[in-house]
C-alpha atoms as a PDB file:
ATOM      1  CA  UNK A   1     -10.291  -1.794   1.329  1.00  0.00           C
ATOM      2  CA  UNK A   2      -8.799  -0.443   4.515  1.00  0.00           C
ATOM      3  CA  UNK A   3     -10.110   3.105   4.279  1.00  0.00           C
ATOM      4  CA  UNK A   4      -8.149   6.601   3.630  1.00  0.00           C
ATOM      5  CA  UNK A   5      -4.396   6.505   2.886  1.00  0.00           C
ATOM      6  CA  UNK A   6      -1.537   5.867   0.549  1.00  0.00           C
ATOM      7  CA  UNK A   7      -1.398   2.067  -0.340  1.00  0.00           C
ATOM      8  CA  UNK A   8       1.756  -0.242  -0.904  1.00  0.00           C
ATOM      9  CA  UNK A   9       2.232  -3.705  -1.552  1.00  0.00           C
ATOM     10  CA  UNK A  10       5.108  -6.175  -1.410  1.00  0.00           C
ATOM     11  CA  UNK A  11       3.912  -8.013  -4.619  1.00  0.00           C
ATOM     12  CA  UNK A  12       4.067  -5.926  -7.893  1.00  0.00           C
ATOM     13  CA  UNK A  13       1.186  -7.889  -9.147  1.00  0.00           C
ATOM     14  CA  UNK A  14      -1.261  -6.047  -6.813  1.00  0.00           C
ATOM     15  CA  UNK A  15       0.131  -2.818  -8.002  1.00  0.00           C
ATOM     16  CA  UNK A  16       0.221  -3.513 -11.581  1.00  0.00           C
ATOM     17  CA  UNK A  17      -3.663  -3.956 -11.381  1.00  0.00           C
ATOM     18  CA  UNK A  18      -3.553  -0.129 -10.895  1.00  0.00           C
ATOM     19  CA  UNK A  19      -1.535   0.470 -14.019  1.00  0.00           C
ATOM     20  CA  UNK A  20      -2.881   1.447 -17.678  1.00  0.00           C
ATOM     21  CA  UNK A  21      -1.731   0.275 -20.939  1.00  0.00           C
ATOM     22  CA  UNK A  22       0.075   0.662 -23.382  1.00  0.00           C
ATOM     23  CA  UNK A  23       2.785   1.804 -21.092  1.00  0.00           C
ATOM     24  CA  UNK A  24       3.058   1.087 -17.374  1.00  0.00           C
ATOM     25  CA  UNK A  25       4.767   2.897 -14.568  1.00  0.00           C
ATOM     26  CA  UNK A  26       5.467   1.650 -11.116  1.00  0.00           C
ATOM     27  CA  UNK A  27       7.259   3.350  -8.202  1.00  0.00           C
ATOM     28  CA  UNK A  28       9.706   1.400  -5.896  1.00  0.00           C
ATOM     29  CA  UNK A  29       9.513   3.010  -2.716  1.00  0.00           C
ATOM     30  CA  UNK A  30      11.119   3.188   0.671  1.00  0.00           C
ATOM     31  CA  UNK A  31       8.365   3.211   3.485  1.00  0.00           C
ATOM     32  CA  UNK A  32       8.525   3.916   6.861  1.00  0.00           C
ATOM     33  CA  UNK A  33       5.815   1.655   8.492  1.00  0.00           C
ATOM     34  CA  UNK A  34       6.668   1.980  12.254  1.00  0.00           C
ATOM     35  CA  UNK A  35       4.266   0.306  14.627  1.00  0.00           C
ATOM     36  CA  UNK A  36       1.718  -1.334  12.378  1.00  0.00           C
ATOM     37  CA  UNK A  37      -2.153  -1.826  13.068  1.00  0.00           C
ATOM     38  CA  UNK A  38      -2.967  -5.322  11.683  1.00  0.00           C
ATOM     39  CA  UNK A  39      -6.333  -5.709   9.922  1.00  0.00           C
ATOM     40  CA  UNK A  40      -7.503  -9.172   9.032  1.00  0.00           C
ATOM     41  CA  UNK A  41     -11.039  -7.888   7.627  1.00  0.00           C
ATOM     42  CA  UNK A  42     -12.036  -5.158   5.021  1.00  0.00           C
ATOM     43  CA  UNK A  43     -12.601  -1.721   6.843  1.00  0.00           C
ATOM     44  CA  UNK A  44     -13.355   0.976   4.129  1.00  0.00           C
ATOM     45  CA  UNK A  45     -14.323   3.357   6.716  1.00  0.00           C
ATOM     46  CA  UNK A  46     -10.907   3.801   8.303  1.00  0.00           C
ATOM     47  CA  UNK A  47      -9.450   7.193   8.558  1.00  0.00           C
ATOM     48  CA  UNK A  48      -6.157   6.028   9.257  1.00  0.00           C
ATOM     49  CA  UNK A  49      -4.159   3.878  11.607  1.00  0.00           C
ATOM     50  CA  UNK A  50      -5.607   3.790  15.177  1.00  0.00           C
ATOM     51  CA  UNK A  51      -3.935   6.000  17.903  1.00  0.00           C
ATOM     52  CA  UNK A  52      -0.500   4.507  18.921  1.00  0.00           C
ATOM     53  CA  UNK A  53       0.196   3.188  15.449  1.00  0.00           C
ATOM     54  CA  UNK A  54       2.074   4.608  12.300  1.00  0.00           C
ATOM     55  CA  UNK A  55       0.549   2.360   9.497  1.00  0.00           C
ATOM     56  CA  UNK A  56      -1.970  -0.476   8.740  1.00  0.00           C
ATOM     57  CA  UNK A  57      -1.018  -3.939   7.829  1.00  0.00           C
ATOM     58  CA  UNK A  58      -3.899  -5.234   5.511  1.00  0.00           C
ATOM     59  CA  UNK A  59      -4.270  -8.936   5.681  1.00  0.00           C
ATOM     60  CA  UNK A  60      -7.752  -9.406   4.621  1.00  0.00           C
ATOM     61  CA  UNK A  61      -7.867 -12.787   2.393  1.00  0.00           C
ATOM     62  CA  UNK A  62      -6.568 -11.606  -1.056  1.00  0.00           C
ATOM     63  CA  UNK A  63      -4.836 -14.786  -2.026  1.00  0.00           C
ATOM     64  CA  UNK A  64      -1.607 -13.922   0.049  1.00  0.00           C
ATOM     65  CA  UNK A  65      -1.249 -10.375  -1.375  1.00  0.00           C
ATOM     66  CA  UNK A  66      -0.809  -8.146   1.665  1.00  0.00           C
ATOM     67  CA  UNK A  67      -0.906  -4.328   1.509  1.00  0.00           C
ATOM     68  CA  UNK A  68       0.360  -1.312   3.771  1.00  0.00           C
ATOM     69  CA  UNK A  69      -1.279   1.708   4.254  1.00  0.00           C
ATOM     70  CA  UNK A  70       0.102   5.143   5.616  1.00  0.00           C
ATOM     71  CA  UNK A  71      -1.381   8.464   6.052  1.00  0.00           C
ATOM     72  CA  UNK A  72       1.320  10.789   6.991  1.00  0.00           C
ATOM     73  CA  UNK A  73       3.403  12.742   4.375  1.00  0.00           C
ATOM     74  CA  UNK A  74       7.066  11.808   4.586  1.00  0.00           C
ATOM     75  CA  UNK A  75       6.462   8.114   5.203  1.00  0.00           C
ATOM     76  CA  UNK A  76       7.235   7.158   1.640  1.00  0.00           C
ATOM     77  CA  UNK A  77      10.140   7.929  -0.337  1.00  0.00           C
ATOM     78  CA  UNK A  78      10.244   6.970  -4.173  1.00  0.00           C
ATOM     79  CA  UNK A  79      13.543   5.420  -4.974  1.00  0.00           C
ATOM     80  CA  UNK A  80      12.921   3.985  -8.552  1.00  0.00           C
ATOM     81  CA  UNK A  81      10.581   4.691 -11.459  1.00  0.00           C
ATOM     82  CA  UNK A  82       9.956   1.504 -13.591  1.00  0.00           C
ATOM     83  CA  UNK A  83       8.490   1.812 -16.784  1.00  0.00           C
ATOM     84  CA  UNK A  84       7.223  -1.505 -18.758  1.00  0.00           C
ATOM     85  CA  UNK A  85       4.902  -2.691 -21.237  1.00  0.00           C
ATOM     86  CA  UNK A  86       3.259  -6.147 -21.616  1.00  0.00           C
END
């Protein structure tokens, strides 16, 4: 929705949409967002945050579920791997 990058969400329901049955995997990560470029509309053509920003905060209308996008190696650190079924 916001172009190139690695996407994170603060609501696990968003991330769950990208898992596959029968066993689901999800990482809990620490993400260094820095100065965030706020986008309130979809922009599929973005190649990363604008100059002067470290990440993108995606706030397009998605039912109150927001996304955080980074494009630099080392901005995210996996802390836990959660395995679950549903």
